[in-house]
């Protein structure tokens, strides 16, 4: 989709309008990444609190996988391809990493 600026804007005003739009897009991308990171953190914390024999653990595992997968995709869309630091910080276990991208 392309955006066409109004024809009555001067070149300087057009640049300013594009700068404002670009800044708003960056702010929204950052906020979206923050929300995805918080969701992944909450899901991982819930999974790590659950006992191995907890009957709700499969649901917690599925929620953690979905949240982490969404967070990783959001990071990659913003040019952050390395997830090693996030994996360590959120203590993402291999059982979650092995299921990334698998749909239930």
C-alpha atoms as a PDB file:
ATOM      1  CA  UNK A   1       0.000   0.000   0.000  1.00  0.00           C
ATOM      2  CA  UNK A   2       1.402   3.391  -0.887  1.00  0.00           C
ATOM      3  CA  UNK A   3       0.644   6.712   0.713  1.00  0.00           C
ATOM      4  CA  UNK A   4       0.163   9.824  -1.405  1.00  0.00           C
ATOM      5  CA  UNK A   5       0.746  13.110   0.356  1.00  0.00           C
ATOM      6  CA  UNK A   6      -1.543  16.057  -0.337  1.00  0.00           C
ATOM      7  CA  UNK A   7      -0.382  17.998  -3.397  1.00  0.00           C
ATOM      8  CA  UNK A   8      -0.484  21.367  -1.646  1.00  0.00           C
ATOM      9  CA  UNK A   9       2.377  20.521   0.723  1.00  0.00           C
ATOM     10  CA  UNK A  10       5.746  22.057   0.032  1.00  0.00           C
ATOM     11  CA  UNK A  11       8.750  19.673  -0.177  1.00  0.00           C
ATOM     12  CA  UNK A  12       9.862  20.734   3.324  1.00  0.00           C
ATOM     13  CA  UNK A  13       6.374  20.196   4.750  1.00  0.00           C
ATOM     14  CA  UNK A  14       6.148  16.840   2.990  1.00  0.00           C
ATOM     15  CA  UNK A  15       9.434  15.728   4.578  1.00  0.00           C
ATOM     16  CA  UNK A  16       8.186  16.852   7.984  1.00  0.00           C
ATOM     17  CA  UNK A  17       4.928  14.941   7.526  1.00  0.00           C
ATOM     18  CA  UNK A  18       6.847  11.804   6.551  1.00  0.00           C
ATOM     19  CA  UNK A  19       9.197  12.260   9.513  1.00  0.00           C
ATOM     20  CA  UNK A  20       6.226  12.479  11.873  1.00  0.00           C
ATOM     21  CA  UNK A  21       4.647   9.375  10.333  1.00  0.00           C
ATOM     22  CA  UNK A  22       7.941   7.498  10.509  1.00  0.00           C
ATOM     23  CA  UNK A  23       8.367   8.426  14.173  1.00  0.00           C
ATOM     24  CA  UNK A  24       4.849   7.223  14.973  1.00  0.00           C
ATOM     25  CA  UNK A  25       5.506   3.917  13.209  1.00  0.00           C
ATOM     26  CA  UNK A  26       8.716   3.429  15.203  1.00  0.00           C
ATOM     27  CA  UNK A  27       6.896   4.145  18.462  1.00  0.00           C
ATOM     28  CA  UNK A  28       4.179   1.620  17.614  1.00  0.00           C
ATOM     29  CA  UNK A  29       6.746  -1.028  16.629  1.00  0.00           C
ATOM     30  CA  UNK A  30       8.553  -0.542  19.937  1.00  0.00           C
ATOM     31  CA  UNK A  31       5.302  -0.725  21.908  1.00  0.00           C
ATOM     32  CA  UNK A  32       4.263  -3.867  20.045  1.00  0.00           C
ATOM     33  CA  UNK A  33       7.627  -5.488  20.763  1.00  0.00           C
ATOM     34  CA  UNK A  34       7.267  -4.561  24.426  1.00  0.00           C
ATOM     35  CA  UNK A  35       3.796  -6.102  24.640  1.00  0.00           C
ATOM     36  CA  UNK A  36       5.000  -9.291  22.957  1.00  0.00           C
ATOM     37  CA  UNK A  37       7.952  -9.499  25.341  1.00  0.00           C
ATOM     38  CA  UNK A  38       5.749  -9.005  28.382  1.00  0.00           C
ATOM     39  CA  UNK A  39       3.332 -11.691  27.177  1.00  0.00           C
ATOM     40  CA  UNK A  40       6.220 -14.119  26.628  1.00  0.00           C
ATOM     41  CA  UNK A  41       7.608 -13.322  30.074  1.00  0.00           C
ATOM     42  CA  UNK A  42       4.247 -13.914  31.777  1.00  0.00           C
ATOM     43  CA  UNK A  43       3.675 -17.171  29.908  1.00  0.00           C
ATOM     44  CA  UNK A  44       7.163 -18.447  30.709  1.00  0.00           C
ATOM     45  CA  UNK A  45       6.817 -17.514  34.389  1.00  0.00           C
ATOM     46  CA  UNK A  46       3.526 -19.425  34.604  1.00  0.00           C
ATOM     47  CA  UNK A  47       5.066 -22.468  32.916  1.00  0.00           C
ATOM     48  CA  UNK A  48       8.150 -22.423  35.142  1.00  0.00           C
ATOM     49  CA  UNK A  49       5.955 -22.189  38.273  1.00  0.00           C
ATOM     50  CA  UNK A  50       3.925 -25.250  37.256  1.00  0.00           C
ATOM     51  CA  UNK A  51       4.922 -28.615  38.676  1.00  0.00           C
ATOM     52  CA  UNK A  52       5.847 -31.312  36.158  1.00  0.00           C
ATOM     53  CA  UNK A  53       2.733 -33.307  37.094  1.00  0.00           C
ATOM     54  CA  UNK A  54       0.369 -30.302  37.024  1.00  0.00           C
ATOM     55  CA  UNK A  55      -2.690 -31.261  34.953  1.00  0.00           C
ATOM     56  CA  UNK A  56      -2.751 -27.746  33.439  1.00  0.00           C
ATOM     57  CA  UNK A  57       0.894 -27.964  32.322  1.00  0.00           C
ATOM     58  CA  UNK A  58       0.088 -28.921  28.675  1.00  0.00           C
ATOM     59  CA  UNK A  59      -2.046 -25.773  28.357  1.00  0.00           C
ATOM     60  CA  UNK A  60       0.635 -23.639  30.007  1.00  0.00           C
ATOM     61  CA  UNK A  61       3.225 -25.141  27.671  1.00  0.00           C
ATOM     62  CA  UNK A  62       1.089 -24.382  24.600  1.00  0.00           C
ATOM     63  CA  UNK A  63       0.510 -20.800  25.786  1.00  0.00           C
ATOM     64  CA  UNK A  64       4.246 -20.328  26.421  1.00  0.00           C
ATOM     65  CA  UNK A  65       5.103 -21.672  22.961  1.00  0.00           C
ATOM     66  CA  UNK A  66       2.598 -19.331  21.285  1.00  0.00           C
ATOM     67  CA  UNK A  67       3.799 -16.291  23.257  1.00  0.00           C
ATOM     68  CA  UNK A  68       7.503 -16.979  22.683  1.00  0.00           C
ATOM     69  CA  UNK A  69       6.927 -17.682  18.987  1.00  0.00           C
ATOM     70  CA  UNK A  70       5.056 -14.402  18.574  1.00  0.00           C
ATOM     71  CA  UNK A  71       7.806 -12.538  20.423  1.00  0.00           C
ATOM     72  CA  UNK A  72      10.534 -14.085  18.276  1.00  0.00           C
ATOM     73  CA  UNK A  73       8.671 -13.189  15.096  1.00  0.00           C
ATOM     74  CA  UNK A  74       8.185  -9.608  16.287  1.00  0.00           C
ATOM     75  CA  UNK A  75      11.900  -9.366  17.083  1.00  0.00           C
ATOM     76  CA  UNK A  76      12.851 -10.722  13.661  1.00  0.00           C
ATOM     77  CA  UNK A  77      10.546  -8.234  11.937  1.00  0.00           C
ATOM     78  CA  UNK A  78      12.492  -5.495  13.685  1.00  0.00           C
ATOM     79  CA  UNK A  79      15.839  -6.922  12.565  1.00  0.00           C
ATOM     80  CA  UNK A  80      16.798  -8.745  15.762  1.00  0.00           C
ATOM     81  CA  UNK A  81      17.667 -12.221  14.531  1.00  0.00           C
ATOM     82  CA  UNK A  82      19.615 -13.463  17.554  1.00  0.00           C
ATOM     83  CA  UNK A  83      17.434 -14.781  20.362  1.00  0.00           C
ATOM     84  CA  UNK A  84      20.125 -16.227  22.630  1.00  0.00           C
ATOM     85  CA  UNK A  85      19.905 -13.430  25.190  1.00  0.00           C
ATOM     86  CA  UNK A  86      16.113 -13.673  25.346  1.00  0.00           C
ATOM     87  CA  UNK A  87      16.277 -17.456  25.747  1.00  0.00           C
ATOM     88  CA  UNK A  88      18.641 -17.053  28.704  1.00  0.00           C
ATOM     89  CA  UNK A  89      16.783 -14.107  30.245  1.00  0.00           C
ATOM     90  CA  UNK A  90      13.339 -15.750  30.100  1.00  0.00           C
ATOM     91  CA  UNK A  91      14.797 -19.196  30.926  1.00  0.00           C
ATOM     92  CA  UNK A  92      13.051 -20.711  27.902  1.00  0.00           C
ATOM     93  CA  UNK A  93      13.452 -24.488  28.195  1.00  0.00           C
ATOM     94  CA  UNK A  94      14.165 -26.838  25.272  1.00  0.00           C
ATOM     95  CA  UNK A  95      10.607 -28.206  25.452  1.00  0.00           C
ATOM     96  CA  UNK A  96       9.333 -24.764  24.418  1.00  0.00           C
ATOM     97  CA  UNK A  97      12.013 -24.139  21.787  1.00  0.00           C
ATOM     98  CA  UNK A  98      11.367 -27.519  20.159  1.00  0.00           C
ATOM     99  CA  UNK A  99       7.700 -26.624  19.627  1.00  0.00           C
ATOM    100  CA  UNK A 100       8.152 -23.154  18.106  1.00  0.00           C
ATOM    101  CA  UNK A 101       6.191 -22.872  14.884  1.00  0.00           C
ATOM    102  CA  UNK A 102       4.154 -26.016  15.508  1.00  0.00           C
ATOM    103  CA  UNK A 103       0.419 -25.367  15.347  1.00  0.00           C
ATOM    104  CA  UNK A 104      -1.954 -27.332  17.526  1.00  0.00           C
END
